[in-house]
Amino acid sequence: MIVSATFAKATAQVWKNIDVPEGSTVRDVLLRSGLLDQFPEIDLEINKVGIFGSIVKLDKPVKEGDRVEIYRPIHPDAELLEKR
């Protein structure tokens, strides 16, 4: 089944389609996606994850077409930092 995984930061945005077996979890998708290797700053113990904008646990099963998202912490002054 095809799902996608995505991560974005100020300097890069990545969206990958991944073929995973039925019964795969959010964790399975993220491990298969390569995003954890591509962005070593991602820590699944710290970063929240979700499907289509709703936060979920890593053991949540995914369905065909789901978009698994990794959320980065937002700095309290993020808006000010981007304007510099």
PDB file of N, CA and C in Angstrom:
ATOM      1  N   MET A   1       0.852  -1.170   0.000  1.00  0.00           N
ATOM      2  CA  MET A   1       0.000   0.000   0.000  1.00  0.00           C
ATOM      3  C   MET A   1       0.893   1.227   0.000  1.00  0.00           C
ATOM      4  N   ILE A   2       0.440   2.264  -0.659  1.00  0.00           N
ATOM      5  CA  ILE A   2       1.238   3.484  -0.783  1.00  0.00           C
ATOM      6  C   ILE A   2       0.783   4.512   0.258  1.00  0.00           C
ATOM      7  N   VAL A   3       1.764   5.007   1.032  1.00  0.00           N
ATOM      8  CA  VAL A   3       1.561   6.095   1.987  1.00  0.00           C
ATOM      9  C   VAL A   3       2.671   7.102   1.728  1.00  0.00           C
ATOM     10  N   SER A   4       2.612   8.233   2.389  1.00  0.00           N
ATOM     11  CA  SER A   4       3.698   9.193   2.236  1.00  0.00           C
ATOM     12  C   SER A   4       4.220   9.604   3.602  1.00  0.00           C
ATOM     13  N   ALA A   5       5.438  10.109   3.593  1.00  0.00           N
ATOM     14  CA  ALA A   5       6.068  10.624   4.805  1.00  0.00           C
ATOM     15  C   ALA A   5       6.642  11.986   4.462  1.00  0.00           C
ATOM     16  N   THR A   6       6.526  12.912   5.392  1.00  0.00           N
ATOM     17  CA  THR A   6       6.982  14.271   5.119  1.00  0.00           C
ATOM     18  C   THR A   6       7.617  14.907   6.349  1.00  0.00           C
ATOM     19  N   PHE A   7       8.580  15.781   6.069  1.00  0.00           N
ATOM     20  CA  PHE A   7       9.237  16.575   7.108  1.00  0.00           C
ATOM     21  C   PHE A   7       9.623  17.901   6.475  1.00  0.00           C
ATOM     22  N   ALA A   8       9.480  18.970   7.216  1.00  0.00           N
ATOM     23  CA  ALA A   8       9.842  20.289   6.698  1.00  0.00           C
ATOM     24  C   ALA A   8      10.567  21.090   7.765  1.00  0.00           C
ATOM     25  N   LYS A   9      11.535  21.832   7.299  1.00  0.00           N
ATOM     26  CA  LYS A   9      12.199  22.820   8.147  1.00  0.00           C
ATOM     27  C   LYS A   9      12.445  24.038   7.274  1.00  0.00           C
ATOM     28  N   ALA A  10      12.999  25.080   7.828  1.00  0.00           N
ATOM     29  CA  ALA A  10      13.139  26.331   7.084  1.00  0.00           C
ATOM     30  C   ALA A  10      13.933  26.167   5.795  1.00  0.00           C
ATOM     31  N   THR A  11      14.896  25.265   5.789  1.00  0.00           N
ATOM     32  CA  THR A  11      15.781  25.147   4.630  1.00  0.00           C
ATOM     33  C   THR A  11      15.479  23.956   3.724  1.00  0.00           C
ATOM     34  N   ALA A  12      14.570  23.078   4.115  1.00  0.00           N
ATOM     35  CA  ALA A  12      14.291  21.889   3.292  1.00  0.00           C
ATOM     36  C   ALA A  12      12.907  21.344   3.607  1.00  0.00           C
ATOM     37  N   GLN A  13      12.257  20.857   2.559  1.00  0.00           N
ATOM     38  CA  GLN A  13      10.976  20.183   2.713  1.00  0.00           C
ATOM     39  C   GLN A  13      11.056  18.899   1.884  1.00  0.00           C
ATOM     40  N   VAL A  14      10.664  17.776   2.509  1.00  0.00           N
ATOM     41  CA  VAL A  14      10.730  16.495   1.811  1.00  0.00           C
ATOM     42  C   VAL A  14       9.393  15.783   1.969  1.00  0.00           C
ATOM     43  N   TRP A  15       8.913  15.238   0.848  1.00  0.00           N
ATOM     44  CA  TRP A  15       7.676  14.456   0.830  1.00  0.00           C
ATOM     45  C   TRP A  15       7.972  13.227  -0.018  1.00  0.00           C
ATOM     46  N   LYS A  16       7.889  12.047   0.596  1.00  0.00           N
ATOM     47  CA  LYS A  16       8.218  10.806  -0.098  1.00  0.00           C
ATOM     48  C   LYS A  16       7.025   9.862  -0.093  1.00  0.00           C
ATOM     49  N   ASN A  17       6.771   9.232  -1.230  1.00  0.00           N
ATOM     50  CA  ASN A  17       5.788   8.149  -1.296  1.00  0.00           C
ATOM     51  C   ASN A  17       6.517   6.846  -1.021  1.00  0.00           C
ATOM     52  N   ILE A  18       5.905   6.003  -0.192  1.00  0.00           N
ATOM     53  CA  ILE A  18       6.545   4.766   0.236  1.00  0.00           C
ATOM     54  C   ILE A  18       5.553   3.618   0.119  1.00  0.00           C
ATOM     55  N   ASP A  19       6.021   2.494  -0.362  1.00  0.00           N
ATOM     56  CA  ASP A  19       5.210   1.282  -0.435  1.00  0.00           C
ATOM     57  C   ASP A  19       5.494   0.469   0.816  1.00  0.00           C
ATOM     58  N   VAL A  20       4.477   0.285   1.650  1.00  0.00           N
ATOM     59  CA  VAL A  20       4.626  -0.478   2.892  1.00  0.00           C
ATOM     60  C   VAL A  20       3.610  -1.613   2.927  1.00  0.00           C
ATOM     61  N   PRO A  21       3.923  -2.684   3.665  1.00  0.00           N
ATOM     62  CA  PRO A  21       2.968  -3.783   3.769  1.00  0.00           C
ATOM     63  C   PRO A  21       1.742  -3.400   4.612  1.00  0.00           C
ATOM     64  N   GLU A  22       0.635  -4.060   4.363  1.00  0.00           N
ATOM     65  CA  GLU A  22      -0.551  -3.890   5.209  1.00  0.00           C
ATOM     66  C   GLU A  22      -0.143  -4.138   6.660  1.00  0.00           C
ATOM     67  N   GLY A  23      -0.744  -3.393   7.571  1.00  0.00           N
ATOM     68  CA  GLY A  23      -0.439  -3.553   8.998  1.00  0.00           C
ATOM     69  C   GLY A  23       0.742  -2.723   9.469  1.00  0.00           C
ATOM     70  N   SER A  24       1.356  -1.949   8.571  1.00  0.00           N
ATOM     71  CA  SER A  24       2.485  -1.104   8.966  1.00  0.00           C
ATOM     72  C   SER A  24       2.020   0.005   9.892  1.00  0.00           C
ATOM     73  N   THR A  25       2.928   0.450  10.734  1.00  0.00           N
ATOM     74  CA  THR A  25       2.645   1.527  11.678  1.00  0.00           C
ATOM     75  C   THR A  25       3.335   2.808  11.235  1.00  0.00           C
ATOM     76  N   VAL A  26       3.016   3.886  11.921  1.00  0.00           N
ATOM     77  CA  VAL A  26       3.678   5.166  11.671  1.00  0.00           C
ATOM     78  C   VAL A  26       5.190   4.996  11.802  1.00  0.00           C
ATOM     79  N   ARG A  27       5.634   4.300  12.839  1.00  0.00           N
ATOM     80  CA  ARG A  27       7.074   4.064  13.032  1.00  0.00           C
ATOM     81  C   ARG A  27       7.668   3.328  11.829  1.00  0.00           C
ATOM     82  N   ASP A  28       6.974   2.291  11.342  1.00  0.00           N
ATOM     83  CA  ASP A  28       7.451   1.536  10.186  1.00  0.00           C
ATOM     84  C   ASP A  28       7.635   2.452   8.971  1.00  0.00           C
ATOM     85  N   VAL A  29       6.656   3.311   8.741  1.00  0.00           N
ATOM     86  CA  VAL A  29       6.718   4.229   7.603  1.00  0.00           C
ATOM     87  C   VAL A  29       7.933   5.142   7.730  1.00  0.00           C
ATOM     88  N   LEU A  30       8.135   5.702   8.920  1.00  0.00           N
ATOM     89  CA  LEU A  30       9.241   6.632   9.112  1.00  0.00           C
ATOM     90  C   LEU A  30      10.588   5.937   8.975  1.00  0.00           C
ATOM     91  N   LEU A  31      10.702   4.732   9.476  1.00  0.00           N
ATOM     92  CA  LEU A  31      11.955   3.986   9.338  1.00  0.00           C
ATOM     93  C   LEU A  31      12.237   3.663   7.874  1.00  0.00           C
ATOM     94  N   ARG A  32      11.218   3.284   7.138  1.00  0.00           N
ATOM     95  CA  ARG A  32      11.369   2.941   5.722  1.00  0.00           C
ATOM     96  C   ARG A  32      11.617   4.171   4.842  1.00  0.00           C
ATOM     97  N   SER A  33      11.142   5.324   5.285  1.00  0.00           N
ATOM     98  CA  SER A  33      11.202   6.538   4.454  1.00  0.00           C
ATOM     99  C   SER A  33      12.612   7.074   4.236  1.00  0.00           C
ATOM    100  N   GLY A  34      13.515   6.801   5.156  1.00  0.00           N
ATOM    101  CA  GLY A  34      14.857   7.372   5.073  1.00  0.00           C
ATOM    102  C   GLY A  34      14.961   8.772   5.666  1.00  0.00           C
ATOM    103  N   LEU A  35      13.856   9.331   6.119  1.00  0.00           N
ATOM    104  CA  LEU A  35      13.882  10.688   6.666  1.00  0.00           C
ATOM    105  C   LEU A  35      14.741  10.781   7.924  1.00  0.00           C
ATOM    106  N   LEU A  36      14.772   9.719   8.723  1.00  0.00           N
ATOM    107  CA  LEU A  36      15.556   9.752   9.955  1.00  0.00           C
ATOM    108  C   LEU A  36      17.054   9.783   9.651  1.00  0.00           C
ATOM    109  N   ASP A  37      17.463   9.175   8.538  1.00  0.00           N
ATOM    110  CA  ASP A  37      18.866   9.242   8.111  1.00  0.00           C
ATOM    111  C   ASP A  37      19.167  10.591   7.458  1.00  0.00           C
ATOM    112  N   GLN A  38      18.226  11.082   6.681  1.00  0.00           N
ATOM    113  CA  GLN A  38      18.420  12.340   5.961  1.00  0.00           C
ATOM    114  C   GLN A  38      18.459  13.539   6.907  1.00  0.00           C
ATOM    115  N   PHE A  39      17.697  13.455   7.995  1.00  0.00           N
ATOM    116  CA  PHE A  39      17.622  14.552   8.972  1.00  0.00           C
ATOM    117  C   PHE A  39      17.952  14.004  10.365  1.00  0.00           C
ATOM    118  N   PRO A  40      19.238  13.885  10.700  1.00  0.00           N
ATOM    119  CA  PRO A  40      19.614  13.287  11.981  1.00  0.00           C
ATOM    120  C   PRO A  40      19.119  14.057  13.203  1.00  0.00           C
ATOM    121  N   GLU A  41      18.666  15.277  13.004  1.00  0.00           N
ATOM    122  CA  GLU A  41      18.132  16.047  14.132  1.00  0.00           C
ATOM    123  C   GLU A  41      16.767  15.541  14.585  1.00  0.00           C
ATOM    124  N   ILE A  42      16.115  14.714  13.778  1.00  0.00           N
ATOM    125  CA  ILE A  42      14.817  14.157  14.168  1.00  0.00           C
ATOM    126  C   ILE A  42      15.044  13.122  15.263  1.00  0.00           C
ATOM    127  N   ASP A  43      14.325  13.291  16.361  1.00  0.00           N
ATOM    128  CA  ASP A  43      14.368  12.339  17.469  1.00  0.00           C
ATOM    129  C   ASP A  43      12.923  11.953  17.762  1.00  0.00           C
ATOM    130  N   LEU A  44      12.567  10.723  17.469  1.00  0.00           N
ATOM    131  CA  LEU A  44      11.176  10.300  17.644  1.00  0.00           C
ATOM    132  C   LEU A  44      10.746  10.239  19.105  1.00  0.00           C
ATOM    133  N   GLU A  45      11.688  10.396  20.025  1.00  0.00           N
ATOM    134  CA  GLU A  45      11.333  10.504  21.439  1.00  0.00           C
ATOM    135  C   GLU A  45      10.915  11.937  21.773  1.00  0.00           C
ATOM    136  N   ILE A  46      11.315  12.885  20.922  1.00  0.00           N
ATOM    137  CA  ILE A  46      11.017  14.306  21.161  1.00  0.00           C
ATOM    138  C   ILE A  46      10.013  14.844  20.140  1.00  0.00           C
ATOM    139  N   ASN A  47      10.291  14.634  18.847  1.00  0.00           N
ATOM    140  CA  ASN A  47       9.422  15.162  17.800  1.00  0.00           C
ATOM    141  C   ASN A  47       8.070  14.463  17.810  1.00  0.00           C
ATOM    142  N   LYS A  48       7.028  15.237  17.714  1.00  0.00           N
ATOM    143  CA  LYS A  48       5.688  14.670  17.589  1.00  0.00           C
ATOM    144  C   LYS A  48       5.485  14.230  16.148  1.00  0.00           C
ATOM    145  N   VAL A  49       4.579  13.275  15.943  1.00  0.00           N
ATOM    146  CA  VAL A  49       4.254  12.787  14.610  1.00  0.00           C
ATOM    147  C   VAL A  49       2.744  12.803  14.444  1.00  0.00           C
ATOM    148  N   GLY A  50       2.300  12.817  13.194  1.00  0.00           N
ATOM    149  CA  GLY A  50       0.862  12.840  12.959  1.00  0.00           C
ATOM    150  C   GLY A  50       0.517  12.295  11.590  1.00  0.00           C
ATOM    151  N   ILE A  51      -0.774  12.190  11.362  1.00  0.00           N
ATOM    152  CA  ILE A  51      -1.314  11.816  10.067  1.00  0.00           C
ATOM    153  C   ILE A  51      -2.304  12.907   9.679  1.00  0.00           C
ATOM    154  N   PHE A  52      -2.055  13.543   8.556  1.00  0.00           N
ATOM    155  CA  PHE A  52      -2.901  14.641   8.064  1.00  0.00           C
ATOM    156  C   PHE A  52      -3.201  15.677   9.150  1.00  0.00           C
ATOM    157  N   GLY A  53      -2.165  16.078   9.902  1.00  0.00           N
ATOM    158  CA  GLY A  53      -2.309  17.155  10.869  1.00  0.00           C
ATOM    159  C   GLY A  53      -2.828  16.763  12.236  1.00  0.00           C
ATOM    160  N   SER A  54      -3.143  15.497  12.453  1.00  0.00           N
ATOM    161  CA  SER A  54      -3.602  15.029  13.765  1.00  0.00           C
ATOM    162  C   SER A  54      -2.485  14.225  14.419  1.00  0.00           C
ATOM    163  N   ILE A  55      -2.083  14.624  15.608  1.00  0.00           N
ATOM    164  CA  ILE A  55      -1.003  13.931  16.308  1.00  0.00           C
ATOM    165  C   ILE A  55      -1.439  12.505  16.642  1.00  0.00           C
ATOM    166  N   VAL A  56      -0.526  11.562  16.377  1.00  0.00           N
ATOM    167  CA  VAL A  56      -0.777  10.144  16.647  1.00  0.00           C
ATOM    168  C   VAL A  56       0.444   9.540  17.324  1.00  0.00           C
ATOM    169  N   LYS A  57       0.282   8.335  17.831  1.00  0.00           N
ATOM    170  CA  LYS A  57       1.397   7.591  18.422  1.00  0.00           C
ATOM    171  C   LYS A  57       2.122   6.820  17.331  1.00  0.00           C
ATOM    172  N   LEU A  58       3.368   6.488  17.591  1.00  0.00           N
ATOM    173  CA  LEU A  58       4.186   5.787  16.612  1.00  0.00           C
ATOM    174  C   LEU A  58       3.643   4.402  16.264  1.00  0.00           C
ATOM    175  N   ASP A  59       2.869   3.797  17.158  1.00  0.00           N
ATOM    176  CA  ASP A  59       2.357   2.450  16.893  1.00  0.00           C
ATOM    177  C   ASP A  59       0.996   2.448  16.190  1.00  0.00           C
ATOM    178  N   LYS A  60       0.527   3.619  15.759  1.00  0.00           N
ATOM    179  CA  LYS A  60      -0.762   3.679  15.047  1.00  0.00           C
ATOM    180  C   LYS A  60      -0.607   3.042  13.664  1.00  0.00           C
ATOM    181  N   PRO A  61      -1.492   2.129  13.314  1.00  0.00           N
ATOM    182  CA  PRO A  61      -1.455   1.555  11.961  1.00  0.00           C
ATOM    183  C   PRO A  61      -1.825   2.614  10.921  1.00  0.00           C
ATOM    184  N   VAL A  62      -1.197   2.520   9.762  1.00  0.00           N
ATOM    185  CA  VAL A  62      -1.494   3.451   8.672  1.00  0.00           C
ATOM    186  C   VAL A  62      -2.410   2.777   7.659  1.00  0.00           C
ATOM    187  N   LYS A  63      -3.093   3.642   6.878  1.00  0.00           N
ATOM    188  CA  LYS A  63      -3.978   3.171   5.813  1.00  0.00           C
ATOM    189  C   LYS A  63      -3.472   3.701   4.481  1.00  0.00           C
ATOM    190  N   GLU A  64      -3.895   3.054   3.420  1.00  0.00           N
ATOM    191  CA  GLU A  64      -3.562   3.483   2.061  1.00  0.00           C
ATOM    192  C   GLU A  64      -3.823   4.982   1.919  1.00  0.00           C
ATOM    193  N   GLY A  65      -2.832   5.712   1.412  1.00  0.00           N
ATOM    194  CA  GLY A  65      -2.997   7.136   1.158  1.00  0.00           C
ATOM    195  C   GLY A  65      -2.691   8.051   2.328  1.00  0.00           C
ATOM    196  N   ASP A  66      -2.428   7.506   3.518  1.00  0.00           N
ATOM    197  CA  ASP A  66      -2.108   8.358   4.665  1.00  0.00           C
ATOM    198  C   ASP A  66      -0.837   9.158   4.411  1.00  0.00           C
ATOM    199  N   ARG A  67      -0.779  10.362   4.993  1.00  0.00           N
ATOM    200  CA  ARG A  67       0.426  11.189   4.962  1.00  0.00           C
ATOM    201  C   ARG A  67       0.944  11.273   6.393  1.00  0.00           C
ATOM    202  N   VAL A  68       2.068  10.627   6.642  1.00  0.00           N
ATOM    203  CA  VAL A  68       2.697  10.633   7.965  1.00  0.00           C
ATOM    204  C   VAL A  68       3.614  11.851   8.030  1.00  0.00           C
ATOM    205  N   GLU A  69       3.449  12.639   9.068  1.00  0.00           N
ATOM    206  CA  GLU A  69       4.180  13.904   9.198  1.00  0.00           C
ATOM    207  C   GLU A  69       5.024  13.894  10.470  1.00  0.00           C
ATOM    208  N   ILE A  70       6.209  14.455  10.369  1.00  0.00           N
ATOM    209  CA  ILE A  70       7.064  14.663  11.534  1.00  0.00           C
ATOM    210  C   ILE A  70       7.042  16.149  11.831  1.00  0.00           C
ATOM    211  N   TYR A  71       6.708  16.489  13.064  1.00  0.00           N
ATOM    212  CA  TYR A  71       6.623  17.900  13.444  1.00  0.00           C
ATOM    213  C   TYR A  71       7.869  18.281  14.218  1.00  0.00           C
ATOM    214  N   ARG A  72       8.416  19.431  13.880  1.00  0.00           N
ATOM    215  CA  ARG A  72       9.573  19.916  14.613  1.00  0.00           C
ATOM    216  C   ARG A  72       9.103  20.877  15.684  1.00  0.00           C
ATOM    217  N   PRO A  73       9.869  20.959  16.774  1.00  0.00           N
ATOM    218  CA  PRO A  73       9.486  21.913  17.816  1.00  0.00           C
ATOM    219  C   PRO A  73       9.512  23.330  17.264  1.00  0.00           C
ATOM    220  N   ILE A  74       8.572  24.118  17.663  1.00  0.00           N
ATOM    221  CA  ILE A  74       8.510  25.518  17.234  1.00  0.00           C
ATOM    222  C   ILE A  74       9.133  26.383  18.325  1.00  0.00           C
ATOM    223  N   HIS A  75      10.113  27.151  17.930  1.00  0.00           N
ATOM    224  CA  HIS A  75      10.776  28.068  18.855  1.00  0.00           C
ATOM    225  C   HIS A  75       9.798  29.192  19.175  1.00  0.00           C
ATOM    226  N   PRO A  76       9.720  29.622  20.444  1.00  0.00           N
ATOM    227  CA  PRO A  76       8.762  30.680  20.798  1.00  0.00           C
ATOM    228  C   PRO A  76       8.930  31.964  19.988  1.00  0.00           C
ATOM    229  N   ASP A  77      10.136  32.240  19.532  1.00  0.00           N
ATOM    230  CA  ASP A  77      10.391  33.454  18.755  1.00  0.00           C
ATOM    231  C   ASP A  77      10.578  33.140  17.279  1.00  0.00           C
ATOM    232  N   ALA A  78      10.008  32.045  16.784  1.00  0.00           N
ATOM    233  CA  ALA A  78      10.234  31.598  15.403  1.00  0.00           C
ATOM    234  C   ALA A  78       9.894  32.683  14.386  1.00  0.00           C
ATOM    235  N   GLU A  79       8.807  33.380  14.578  1.00  0.00           N
ATOM    236  CA  GLU A  79       8.411  34.413  13.628  1.00  0.00           C
ATOM    237  C   GLU A  79       9.453  35.525  13.586  1.00  0.00           C
ATOM    238  N   LEU A  80       9.968  35.893  14.723  1.00  0.00           N
ATOM    239  CA  LEU A  80      10.984  36.949  14.781  1.00  0.00           C
ATOM    240  C   LEU A  80      12.290  36.485  14.160  1.00  0.00           C
ATOM    241  N   LEU A  81      12.664  35.213  14.396  1.00  0.00           N
ATOM    242  CA  LEU A  81      13.921  34.687  13.869  1.00  0.00           C
ATOM    243  C   LEU A  81      13.908  34.632  12.346  1.00  0.00           C
ATOM    244  N   GLU A  82      12.774  34.285  11.739  1.00  0.00           N
ATOM    245  CA  GLU A  82      12.701  34.180  10.289  1.00  0.00           C
ATOM    246  C   GLU A  82      12.789  35.539   9.613  1.00  0.00           C
ATOM    247  N   LYS A  83      12.458  36.611  10.301  1.00  0.00           N
ATOM    248  CA  LYS A  83      12.486  37.949   9.693  1.00  0.00           C
ATOM    249  C   LYS A  83      13.883  38.551   9.718  1.00  0.00           C
ATOM    250  N   ARG A  84      14.810  37.911  10.423  1.00  0.00           N
ATOM    251  CA  ARG A  84      16.173  38.447  10.509  1.00  0.00           C
ATOM    252  C   ARG A  84      16.940  38.213   9.265  1.00  0.00           C
TER     253      ARG A  84
END
